[in-house]
Amino acid sequence: MPVYDARVERQMVNFYGSLSEKDRRRYAAVETAKLGHGGQAYIARLFGCDPETIAVGAQDVEELPSDAAAGRVRKKGRSQES
C-alpha cells in the first residue's frame, strides 16, 4: 500500500480539520478507497479517527448525490476560556 509523503500528509490533515464532521468522514472514506488494502488503518491513524467512522463515510459516499442530511451541519461547540 502506498503512503503519502510528509508534506502531503500535513496538507491532508489540515484540510481534514477544516471540514464539517460529515465531510471529514466522507473525505476519509474516499482517501481510503484510493489506497486499497491497508488504507483504512493508515487513514484512521493519519486523521486520528475511528475506522468505523470511515466505514460510515463510505456508506455516505455510496448514497450520493441524494443526501437526507443535506444542509444540516452540526455547529462546533464553543470553547471554554478560563
C-alpha atoms as a PDB file:
ATOM      1  CA  MET A   1       0.000   0.000   0.000  1.00  0.00           C
ATOM      2  CA  PRO A   2       1.408   3.390  -0.931  1.00  0.00           C
ATOM      3  CA  VAL A   3       1.641   6.123   1.678  1.00  0.00           C
ATOM      4  CA  TYR A   4       1.818   9.856   1.138  1.00  0.00           C
ATOM      5  CA  ASP A   5       4.934  11.911   1.796  1.00  0.00           C
ATOM      6  CA  ALA A   6       5.040  14.066   4.936  1.00  0.00           C
ATOM      7  CA  ARG A   7       4.186  17.318   3.105  1.00  0.00           C
ATOM      8  CA  VAL A   8       1.074  15.828   1.511  1.00  0.00           C
ATOM      9  CA  GLU A   9       0.045  14.246   4.837  1.00  0.00           C
ATOM     10  CA  ARG A  10       0.223  17.676   6.523  1.00  0.00           C
ATOM     11  CA  GLN A  11      -1.920  19.206   3.781  1.00  0.00           C
ATOM     12  CA  MET A  12      -4.432  16.379   4.064  1.00  0.00           C
ATOM     13  CA  VAL A  13      -4.644  16.696   7.854  1.00  0.00           C
ATOM     14  CA  ASN A  14      -5.072  20.476   7.628  1.00  0.00           C
ATOM     15  CA  PHE A  15      -7.783  20.124   5.002  1.00  0.00           C
ATOM     16  CA  TYR A  16      -9.497  17.353   7.002  1.00  0.00           C
ATOM     17  CA  GLY A  17      -9.593  19.619  10.054  1.00  0.00           C
ATOM     18  CA  SER A  18     -11.312  22.381   8.085  1.00  0.00           C
ATOM     19  CA  LEU A  19     -14.265  20.178   7.083  1.00  0.00           C
ATOM     20  CA  SER A  20     -17.579  19.521   8.799  1.00  0.00           C
ATOM     21  CA  GLU A  21     -17.959  16.202  10.596  1.00  0.00           C
ATOM     22  CA  LYS A  22     -19.935  14.706   7.704  1.00  0.00           C
ATOM     23  CA  ASP A  23     -17.428  15.879   5.109  1.00  0.00           C
ATOM     24  CA  ARG A  24     -14.480  14.622   7.207  1.00  0.00           C
ATOM     25  CA  ARG A  25     -15.821  11.067   7.243  1.00  0.00           C
ATOM     26  CA  ARG A  26     -16.584  11.223   3.512  1.00  0.00           C
ATOM     27  CA  TYR A  27     -13.115  12.561   2.686  1.00  0.00           C
ATOM     28  CA  ALA A  28     -11.512   9.855   4.819  1.00  0.00           C
ATOM     29  CA  ALA A  29     -13.572   7.220   3.000  1.00  0.00           C
ATOM     30  CA  VAL A  30     -12.537   8.482  -0.435  1.00  0.00           C
ATOM     31  CA  GLU A  31      -8.860   8.528   0.572  1.00  0.00           C
ATOM     32  CA  THR A  32      -9.208   5.006   1.949  1.00  0.00           C
ATOM     33  CA  ALA A  33     -10.734   3.771  -1.306  1.00  0.00           C
ATOM     34  CA  LYS A  34      -7.840   5.252  -3.289  1.00  0.00           C
ATOM     35  CA  LEU A  35      -5.278   3.348  -1.223  1.00  0.00           C
ATOM     36  CA  GLY A  36      -6.850  -0.098  -1.237  1.00  0.00           C
ATOM     37  CA  HIS A  37      -5.814  -2.823   1.236  1.00  0.00           C
ATOM     38  CA  GLY A  38      -4.500  -1.305   4.476  1.00  0.00           C
ATOM     39  CA  GLY A  39      -5.724   2.141   3.521  1.00  0.00           C
ATOM     40  CA  GLN A  40      -8.391   2.347   6.197  1.00  0.00           C
ATOM     41  CA  ALA A  41      -5.912   1.761   9.035  1.00  0.00           C
ATOM     42  CA  TYR A  42      -3.441   4.253   7.553  1.00  0.00           C
ATOM     43  CA  ILE A  43      -6.049   6.988   7.056  1.00  0.00           C
ATOM     44  CA  ALA A  44      -7.590   6.359  10.502  1.00  0.00           C
ATOM     45  CA  ARG A  45      -4.136   6.834  12.084  1.00  0.00           C
ATOM     46  CA  LEU A  46      -3.359   9.868   9.927  1.00  0.00           C
ATOM     47  CA  PHE A  47      -6.623  11.649  10.752  1.00  0.00           C
ATOM     48  CA  GLY A  48      -6.971  10.297  14.290  1.00  0.00           C
ATOM     49  CA  CYS A  49     -10.424   8.916  13.590  1.00  0.00           C
ATOM     50  CA  ASP A  50     -12.153   5.604  14.223  1.00  0.00           C
ATOM     51  CA  PRO A  51     -12.146   3.122  11.327  1.00  0.00           C
ATOM     52  CA  GLU A  52     -15.903   2.741  11.863  1.00  0.00           C
ATOM     53  CA  THR A  53     -16.261   6.446  11.076  1.00  0.00           C
ATOM     54  CA  ILE A  54     -14.577   5.785   7.742  1.00  0.00           C
ATOM     55  CA  ALA A  55     -16.961   2.881   7.085  1.00  0.00           C
ATOM     56  CA  VAL A  56     -19.933   5.187   7.719  1.00  0.00           C
ATOM     57  CA  GLY A  57     -18.351   7.728   5.375  1.00  0.00           C
ATOM     58  CA  ALA A  58     -18.081   5.064   2.669  1.00  0.00           C
ATOM     59  CA  GLN A  59     -21.814   4.405   3.027  1.00  0.00           C
ATOM     60  CA  ASP A  60     -22.457   8.153   2.806  1.00  0.00           C
ATOM     61  CA  VAL A  61     -20.439   8.381  -0.413  1.00  0.00           C
ATOM     62  CA  GLU A  62     -22.312   5.447  -1.945  1.00  0.00           C
ATOM     63  CA  GLU A  63     -25.619   7.258  -1.322  1.00  0.00           C
ATOM     64  CA  LEU A  64     -24.542  10.465  -3.078  1.00  0.00           C
ATOM     65  CA  PRO A  65     -25.862  12.542  -4.738  1.00  0.00           C
ATOM     66  CA  SER A  66     -29.004  12.012  -2.631  1.00  0.00           C
ATOM     67  CA  ASP A  67     -28.321  13.103   0.935  1.00  0.00           C
ATOM     68  CA  ALA A  68     -31.036  13.071   3.564  1.00  0.00           C
ATOM     69  CA  ALA A  69     -28.905  15.355   5.734  1.00  0.00           C
ATOM     70  CA  ALA A  70     -28.162  17.947   3.037  1.00  0.00           C
ATOM     71  CA  GLY A  71     -27.903  21.400   4.521  1.00  0.00           C
ATOM     72  CA  ARG A  72     -27.694  20.125   8.084  1.00  0.00           C
ATOM     73  CA  VAL A  73     -24.285  20.620   9.609  1.00  0.00           C
ATOM     74  CA  ARG A  74     -23.684  20.357  13.319  1.00  0.00           C
ATOM     75  CA  LYS A  75     -22.300  23.538  14.719  1.00  0.00           C
ATOM     76  CA  LYS A  76     -18.986  23.347  16.514  1.00  0.00           C
ATOM     77  CA  GLY A  77     -19.190  23.701  20.281  1.00  0.00           C
ATOM     78  CA  ARG A  78     -17.945  26.808  21.984  1.00  0.00           C
ATOM     79  CA  SER A  79     -14.559  26.614  23.624  1.00  0.00           C
ATOM     80  CA  GLN A  80     -14.437  27.462  27.288  1.00  0.00           C
ATOM     81  CA  GLU A  81     -11.968  30.221  28.096  1.00  0.00           C
ATOM     82  CA  SER A  82     -10.645  30.401  31.622  1.00  0.00           C
END
